Protein backbone atom coordinates (compact mmCIF):
# COMPACT_ATOMS: atom_id res chain seq x y z
CA MET A 1 -6.85 94.68 86.90
CA SER A 2 -5.95 91.14 87.96
CA ALA A 3 -2.26 90.67 88.56
CA ALA A 4 -2.15 88.65 85.64
CA THR A 5 -2.65 91.56 83.17
CA PRO A 6 0.00 93.89 82.20
CA THR A 7 0.16 97.21 82.92
CA PHE A 8 0.05 99.17 79.25
CA GLU A 9 1.51 102.48 79.06
CA LEU A 10 0.55 103.96 76.18
CA PHE A 11 3.00 106.99 74.60
CA TYR A 12 0.89 109.53 72.72
CA TRP A 13 0.64 113.35 72.20
CA PRO A 14 -1.83 114.45 74.24
CA THR A 15 -4.01 117.15 72.25
CA ILE A 16 -4.50 114.92 69.10
CA GLN A 17 -5.89 111.94 68.30
CA GLY A 18 -3.48 111.50 65.65
CA ARG A 19 -1.88 107.49 65.02
CA GLY A 20 -2.16 107.09 68.70
CA GLU A 21 -6.01 107.08 68.47
CA PHE A 22 -5.91 103.83 66.51
CA VAL A 23 -4.29 102.24 69.39
CA ARG A 24 -7.07 103.78 71.84
CA LEU A 25 -10.03 102.49 70.29
CA VAL A 26 -8.24 98.53 70.45
CA PHE A 27 -8.06 99.16 74.10
CA GLU A 28 -11.54 100.56 74.55
CA GLU A 29 -13.32 97.79 72.72
CA ALA A 30 -11.59 95.57 74.51
CA GLY A 31 -11.75 96.46 77.68
CA LEU A 32 -8.44 96.63 78.70
CA PRO A 33 -7.33 99.24 81.05
CA TYR A 34 -4.37 101.26 80.01
CA VAL A 35 -2.53 104.44 81.03
CA ASP A 36 -2.41 107.54 78.34
CA VAL A 37 0.69 108.52 80.03
CA ALA A 38 1.25 112.21 78.20
CA ARG A 39 -2.21 113.10 79.14
CA ARG A 40 -0.82 113.23 82.63
CA PRO A 41 0.20 116.36 84.63
CA ALA A 42 3.49 116.84 83.80
CA GLY A 43 4.41 116.64 87.94
CA GLU A 44 2.73 113.18 87.75
CA GLY A 45 5.29 111.94 85.35
CA GLY A 46 2.87 113.30 82.08
CA GLY A 47 3.01 115.88 79.59
CA PRO A 48 5.29 115.64 76.11
CA GLY A 49 8.40 115.60 78.21
CA ALA A 50 7.17 111.90 78.87
CA ILE A 51 7.29 111.34 75.49
CA VAL A 52 10.71 112.74 74.89
CA ARG A 53 12.01 110.95 77.51
CA LEU A 54 11.06 107.50 76.33
CA LEU A 55 12.40 108.42 73.35
CA GLU A 56 15.57 109.23 74.40
CA ASP A 57 16.09 106.03 77.03
CA ASP A 58 18.35 103.69 74.75
CA THR A 59 18.80 101.40 78.16
CA ALA A 60 15.93 99.02 76.87
CA GLY A 61 16.57 97.22 73.75
CA THR A 62 16.00 99.25 70.59
CA PRO A 63 14.64 102.58 71.02
CA PRO A 64 11.53 103.75 69.06
CA PHE A 65 11.88 106.12 66.51
CA ALA A 66 8.58 108.12 67.05
CA PRO A 67 5.04 107.96 69.13
CA PRO A 68 3.10 106.09 69.36
CA VAL A 69 4.93 103.88 71.83
CA LEU A 70 3.53 101.09 73.88
CA ARG A 71 5.43 100.25 77.22
CA VAL A 72 5.15 96.82 79.00
CA GLY A 73 7.19 96.49 81.61
CA ARG A 74 10.44 96.77 79.71
CA LEU A 75 9.16 96.06 76.61
CA ARG A 76 8.89 99.25 74.20
CA LEU A 77 6.97 98.48 70.75
CA ALA A 78 6.62 101.43 68.31
CA GLN A 79 4.40 101.43 64.92
CA THR A 80 0.80 101.72 65.01
CA ALA A 81 0.13 98.89 63.28
CA LEU A 82 2.27 96.60 65.66
CA ILE A 83 0.86 97.93 68.62
CA CYS A 84 -2.71 97.49 67.65
CA ARG A 85 -1.90 93.69 66.82
CA TYR A 86 -0.30 93.24 70.15
CA VAL A 87 -2.56 94.80 72.10
CA ALA A 88 -5.48 93.11 69.89
CA ALA A 89 -3.90 89.81 71.14
CA HIS A 90 -4.04 90.43 74.89
CA GLY A 91 -7.96 91.97 73.86
CA GLY A 92 -9.36 88.55 71.86
CA LEU A 93 -9.55 91.34 68.85
CA LEU A 94 -7.40 88.45 66.82
CA PRO A 95 -8.97 86.61 64.02
CA PRO A 96 -8.97 82.98 65.19
CA ALA A 97 -7.06 81.24 62.45
CA GLU A 98 -3.59 82.56 61.84
CA ASP A 99 -4.32 82.93 57.77
CA ASP A 100 -6.49 85.56 58.97
CA TRP A 101 -3.87 86.91 61.30
CA LEU A 102 -1.39 87.69 58.29
CA ARG A 103 -4.92 89.17 56.45
CA ALA A 104 -5.80 91.35 59.39
CA ASP A 105 -2.20 92.72 59.19
CA GLN A 106 -1.73 93.36 55.72
CA LEU A 107 -5.37 95.51 56.35
CA MET A 108 -4.20 97.29 58.89
CA LEU A 109 -1.06 98.28 56.90
CA THR A 110 -3.20 99.33 54.01
CA VAL A 111 -4.96 101.76 56.34
CA MET A 112 -2.12 103.06 57.81
CA ASP A 113 -0.54 103.83 54.21
CA ARG A 114 -4.08 105.79 53.56
CA VAL A 115 -3.60 107.98 56.90
CA ALA A 116 -0.25 108.85 55.95
CA GLU A 117 -1.60 109.56 52.22
CA VAL A 118 -4.25 111.74 54.36
CA HIS A 119 -1.95 113.65 56.09
CA ASN A 120 0.21 114.43 52.46
CA VAL A 121 -2.48 115.95 51.39
CA HIS A 122 -2.12 119.02 53.35
CA HIS A 123 1.22 118.49 54.12
CA PRO A 124 2.64 117.64 50.49
CA LEU A 125 6.03 118.98 51.00
CA ALA A 126 7.23 118.57 54.58
CA SER A 127 5.58 117.67 57.82
CA SER A 128 8.04 120.44 59.36
CA LEU A 129 6.19 123.54 57.45
CA TYR A 130 2.93 125.10 58.07
CA TYR A 131 -0.16 124.01 56.29
CA GLU A 132 0.42 127.42 54.96
CA ASP A 133 3.72 127.30 53.60
CA GLN A 134 2.35 124.64 51.00
CA GLN A 135 -1.15 125.80 51.10
CA THR A 136 -0.80 125.88 47.04
CA GLU A 137 0.76 122.77 46.42
CA ALA A 138 -2.04 121.24 48.82
CA LEU A 139 -4.69 123.07 46.72
CA ARG A 140 -3.49 121.85 43.57
CA LEU A 141 -3.17 118.03 45.19
CA ALA A 142 -6.65 117.62 47.23
CA PRO A 143 -8.44 117.36 43.67
CA ILE A 144 -6.72 114.76 42.51
CA PHE A 145 -6.52 112.88 45.96
CA ILE A 146 -10.28 113.43 46.03
CA ALA A 147 -11.22 112.30 42.37
CA GLU A 148 -8.74 109.46 42.11
CA ARG A 149 -7.05 108.30 45.09
CA LEU A 150 -10.34 108.59 47.47
CA PRO A 151 -12.59 106.43 45.65
CA LYS A 152 -10.02 103.76 44.94
CA ALA A 153 -9.13 103.08 48.76
CA LEU A 154 -12.87 103.15 49.76
CA GLY A 155 -13.52 100.88 46.88
CA TYR A 156 -10.81 98.36 48.02
CA PHE A 157 -12.15 98.38 51.46
CA GLU A 158 -15.45 97.78 49.93
CA HIS A 159 -14.26 94.91 48.16
CA VAL A 160 -12.59 92.90 50.68
CA LEU A 161 -16.00 93.53 52.63
CA SER A 162 -18.25 92.02 49.97
CA ALA A 163 -15.68 89.39 49.44
CA ASN A 164 -15.77 88.40 53.06
CA ALA A 165 -19.12 86.47 53.87
CA ALA A 166 -18.16 84.81 56.75
CA GLY A 167 -21.01 85.37 59.20
CA GLU A 168 -23.69 87.79 60.11
CA GLU A 169 -21.61 90.82 61.01
CA GLN A 170 -20.36 92.55 58.31
CA VAL A 171 -16.38 92.33 59.14
CA LEU A 172 -13.21 92.40 57.18
CA VAL A 173 -11.46 88.95 58.01
CA SER A 174 -13.25 86.21 59.49
CA ASP A 175 -16.56 86.13 61.15
CA ALA A 176 -16.15 88.72 63.95
CA LEU A 177 -15.04 92.32 64.52
CA SER A 178 -10.86 92.31 64.68
CA TYR A 179 -8.83 95.12 65.39
CA VAL A 180 -8.44 96.28 61.63
CA ASP A 181 -12.33 96.99 61.60
CA LEU A 182 -11.49 99.29 64.11
CA ALA A 183 -8.88 100.73 61.93
CA LEU A 184 -11.22 101.10 59.12
CA PHE A 185 -13.77 102.88 61.76
CA GLN A 186 -11.19 105.32 62.21
CA LEU A 187 -9.86 106.49 58.85
CA VAL A 188 -13.58 106.78 57.70
CA ASP A 189 -14.14 108.78 60.79
CA GLY A 190 -11.10 111.09 60.09
CA LEU A 191 -11.90 111.47 56.47
CA ALA A 192 -15.80 112.76 57.60
CA TYR A 193 -14.14 115.44 59.48
CA ALA A 194 -10.91 115.94 57.11
CA PHE A 195 -13.39 116.01 53.79
CA PRO A 196 -17.01 115.92 54.85
CA ASN A 197 -18.18 116.75 51.40
CA ALA A 198 -16.02 115.04 49.50
CA LEU A 199 -17.30 111.35 51.65
CA ALA A 200 -21.22 113.03 51.71
CA ALA A 201 -20.56 112.43 47.70
CA LEU A 202 -18.87 109.28 47.80
CA ALA A 203 -20.69 107.24 50.28
CA PRO A 204 -23.75 105.92 48.24
CA GLN A 205 -20.71 104.04 46.33
CA PHE A 206 -19.79 102.16 49.64
CA PRO A 207 -22.05 101.32 51.63
CA ARG A 208 -20.43 98.11 53.12
CA VAL A 209 -17.66 100.54 54.17
CA MET A 210 -20.21 102.78 55.56
CA ALA A 211 -22.52 100.24 57.29
CA LEU A 212 -19.11 98.96 59.30
CA HIS A 213 -18.53 102.56 60.65
CA ALA A 214 -21.79 102.92 61.73
CA ALA A 215 -21.68 99.55 63.42
CA VAL A 216 -18.34 100.36 64.91
CA ALA A 217 -19.63 103.95 66.55
CA GLU A 218 -22.71 101.98 67.78
CA ARG A 219 -20.52 99.10 69.73
CA PRO A 220 -21.33 99.83 73.50
CA ARG A 221 -17.95 100.34 74.73
CA ILE A 222 -16.85 102.58 71.68
CA ALA A 223 -20.10 104.41 71.84
CA ALA A 224 -19.24 105.31 75.53
CA TYR A 225 -15.68 106.13 74.57
CA LEU A 226 -16.68 108.52 71.95
CA ALA A 227 -19.22 110.10 74.17
CA SER A 228 -16.66 110.40 77.00
CA PRO A 229 -13.80 113.00 77.54
CA ARG A 230 -10.95 110.52 76.70
CA ARG A 231 -12.16 110.80 73.05
CA LEU A 232 -10.14 114.09 71.78
CA PRO A 233 -11.51 115.94 69.28
CA PHE A 234 -10.24 116.42 65.57
CA ASN A 235 -8.59 119.36 65.02
CA GLU A 236 -6.35 121.25 63.05
CA HIS A 237 -2.97 119.92 64.56
CA GLY A 238 -3.53 115.90 63.66
CA ILE A 239 -3.64 113.88 60.67
CA PHE A 240 -7.36 114.29 59.83
CA ARG A 241 -7.78 118.63 59.11
CA HIS A 242 -10.49 119.87 57.83
CA TYR A 243 -9.38 122.72 55.65
CA PRO A 244 -12.72 123.83 53.73
CA GLU A 245 -10.43 125.20 50.74
CA LEU A 246 -9.23 121.89 49.72
CA ASP A 247 -12.79 120.01 50.50
CA PRO A 248 -15.43 122.57 48.28
CA PRO A 249 -18.99 121.56 48.02
CA ARG A 250 -19.80 119.10 45.55
């Protein structure tokens, strides 16, 4: 790391992908070194305690509400979309034109809305309750999500990709991959884990979305990351969870 390169410290829960994964993907594609603080041993200042200490520290300006949090010197940024945009600006993953920055921001916020919607399928009542405490409600919501909300979301991104014919590479904004393409990749990857049957049935209707997902997975830095131990596996503690009863065979 050169003297001009800031030290990026990411604070996120060490056992799940969650919202922190959207940030990690931007770092990885940009080739920017970063410290995944909570994945370090507690004796080295890591572990979940590092996140708690950061959230309780009100000596450096506006305190963050919840992780992920990015710390760069005395600067602390929360909110996944904002962090991703900031890292993208340092890593060459923003579109070149200012109008396209705003389009990317709009799309990123739309992705994050969909992420919250996916989470609500298995936690429709409260995040503080276990899935088993709200399974009845989840079983009622899941078919509605699969029949109505999932195709609407995928259809929206399919339309955006179709409308953006700026270059040879099929991307959401401008003519080259940006941070929002990585975000859509992660959304689709999470859906493939949480709702494999539903996504497999819908995929032929959205070839551009699926092609973007495949293309991002094949990018050299992303492919290396996905094959490395840095990429945590999906599990039933994060945002994207696979409960077979919520995703019956089509």
